[in-house]
Protein backbone atom coordinates (compact mmCIF):
# COMPACT_ATOMS: atom_id res chain seq x y z
CA GLU A 1 6.01 -8.57 -8.88
CA VAL A 2 3.83 -5.51 -8.17
CA GLN A 3 0.17 -6.22 -8.75
CA LEU A 4 -3.02 -4.09 -8.23
CA VAL A 5 -6.04 -6.21 -9.18
CA GLU A 6 -9.50 -4.47 -9.27
CA SER A 7 -12.76 -6.38 -8.88
CA GLY A 8 -16.34 -5.67 -8.14
CA GLY A 9 -17.38 -3.93 -11.34
CA GLY A 10 -20.48 -4.95 -13.31
CA LEU A 11 -23.86 -3.75 -14.67
CA VAL A 12 -26.10 -1.83 -12.32
CA GLN A 13 -29.25 0.33 -12.71
CA PRO A 14 -29.27 4.03 -11.96
CA GLY A 15 -29.56 4.49 -8.29
CA GLY A 16 -27.87 1.26 -7.51
CA SER A 17 -24.73 0.48 -5.70
CA LEU A 18 -21.43 -1.35 -6.24
CA ARG A 19 -18.28 -1.91 -4.14
CA LEU A 20 -15.01 -2.07 -5.91
CA SER A 21 -11.95 -3.67 -4.37
CA CYS A 22 -8.24 -3.44 -5.32
CA ALA A 23 -5.98 -6.17 -4.03
CA ALA A 24 -2.35 -4.91 -3.78
CA SER A 25 0.70 -7.23 -3.70
CA GLY A 26 4.44 -6.88 -4.29
CA PHE A 27 4.94 -3.55 -2.61
CA ARG A 28 4.38 -2.12 0.81
CA PHE A 29 0.77 -1.06 0.37
CA SER A 30 0.48 0.69 3.88
CA ALA A 31 3.18 3.16 2.93
CA TYR A 32 1.40 4.53 -0.23
CA ASP A 33 -1.31 7.04 -0.54
CA MET A 34 -3.78 5.58 -2.94
CA LYS A 35 -6.40 6.68 -5.52
CA TRP A 36 -9.28 5.64 -7.76
CA VAL A 37 -9.39 7.11 -11.19
CA ARG A 38 -11.80 6.35 -14.01
CA GLN A 39 -11.99 6.48 -17.82
CA ALA A 40 -15.35 6.90 -19.56
CA PRO A 41 -15.78 5.78 -23.24
CA GLY A 42 -14.00 8.39 -25.48
CA LYS A 43 -12.63 10.44 -22.58
CA GLY A 44 -9.41 10.79 -20.57
CA LEU A 45 -8.58 9.59 -17.20
CA GLU A 46 -10.54 11.38 -14.33
CA TRP A 47 -9.54 11.37 -10.77
CA VAL A 48 -12.35 10.11 -8.44
CA SER A 49 -10.93 9.81 -4.90
CA ARG A 50 -7.85 9.42 -3.00
CA ILE A 51 -6.88 8.25 0.58
CA THR A 52 -3.72 8.84 2.50
CA THR A 53 -1.69 6.34 4.38
CA GLY A 54 -3.50 7.58 7.55
CA GLY A 55 -6.92 7.29 6.05
CA THR A 56 -7.73 10.80 5.14
CA ALA A 57 -10.07 10.74 2.12
CA GLY A 58 -10.69 13.17 -0.61
CA TYR A 59 -13.23 13.25 -3.46
CA ALA A 60 -13.95 14.83 -6.76
CA GLY A 61 -16.93 17.03 -6.65
CA PHE A 62 -19.05 14.86 -8.84
CA VAL A 63 -18.90 11.81 -6.48
CA LYS A 64 -18.85 13.63 -3.11
CA GLY A 65 -21.60 12.26 -0.94
CA ARG A 66 -22.11 9.23 -3.08
CA PHE A 67 -18.82 7.33 -3.02
CA THR A 68 -16.65 6.35 -0.10
CA ILE A 69 -13.11 5.24 -0.30
CA SER A 70 -11.45 3.12 2.36
CA ARG A 71 -8.53 0.85 2.87
CA ASP A 72 -7.61 -2.13 4.93
CA ASN A 73 -3.81 -2.25 5.30
CA ALA A 74 -4.04 -5.62 7.05
CA LYS A 75 -5.48 -7.07 3.88
CA ASN A 76 -3.58 -4.84 1.45
CA THR A 77 -6.82 -3.90 -0.13
CA LEU A 78 -8.33 -0.55 -1.27
CA TYR A 79 -12.12 -0.14 -1.63
CA LEU A 80 -14.52 2.14 -3.30
CA GLN A 81 -18.26 2.02 -2.15
CA MET A 82 -20.31 3.63 -4.85
CA ASN A 83 -23.95 4.49 -4.11
CA SER A 84 -26.61 6.38 -6.03
CA LEU A 85 -24.96 5.47 -9.22
CA LYS A 86 -25.74 7.56 -12.27
CA THR A 87 -25.40 6.69 -15.95
CA GLU A 88 -22.43 9.22 -16.20
CA ASP A 89 -20.56 7.07 -13.76
CA THR A 90 -20.12 4.45 -16.51
CA ALA A 91 -16.43 3.94 -16.92
CA VAL A 92 -13.46 1.68 -16.36
CA TYR A 93 -12.22 2.26 -12.79
CA TYR A 94 -8.68 1.86 -11.86
CA CYS A 95 -6.91 1.86 -8.54
CA ALA A 96 -3.35 3.35 -8.42
CA THR A 97 -0.79 4.69 -6.14
CA LEU A 98 -1.27 8.49 -5.80
CA GLY A 99 1.88 9.21 -7.70
CA ASP A 100 1.02 6.70 -10.36
CA SER A 101 4.00 4.47 -9.62
CA PHE A 102 1.56 1.42 -9.96
CA ARG A 103 -1.79 1.05 -11.53
CA GLY A 104 -4.18 -1.79 -11.94
CA GLN A 105 -5.91 -3.09 -15.07
CA GLY A 106 -9.20 -1.66 -14.25
CA THR A 107 -12.71 -2.93 -13.76
CA GLN A 108 -15.72 -1.98 -15.90
CA VAL A 109 -18.74 -0.21 -14.26
CA THR A 110 -21.79 0.17 -16.36
CA VAL A 111 -24.91 2.06 -15.08
CA SER A 112 -27.77 1.52 -17.28
CA SER A 113 -31.50 0.76 -17.19
């Protein structure tokens, strides 16, 4: 059974940091380009970042310089380090394969004072 399980979300104050993790199982994680997307309340899905099988990263303009995507293929885990968080980063964050073959259930990130 394919599973992508996100963790690490929570409530943080503006300017704070969180590290999201996404544990993959049931498929060959190392063979897939991966991404993080998010959905804010009342809005559609928004692409945040992606990483290739070789580790090349890309970012949406609104997170560049603040977020860092990484992966550990030995642990079948995708990460998103989020620094300098803003209230507008509040959303449910999902990890997925780049082509949307698989997607997790999401983890809530709330940035509020």
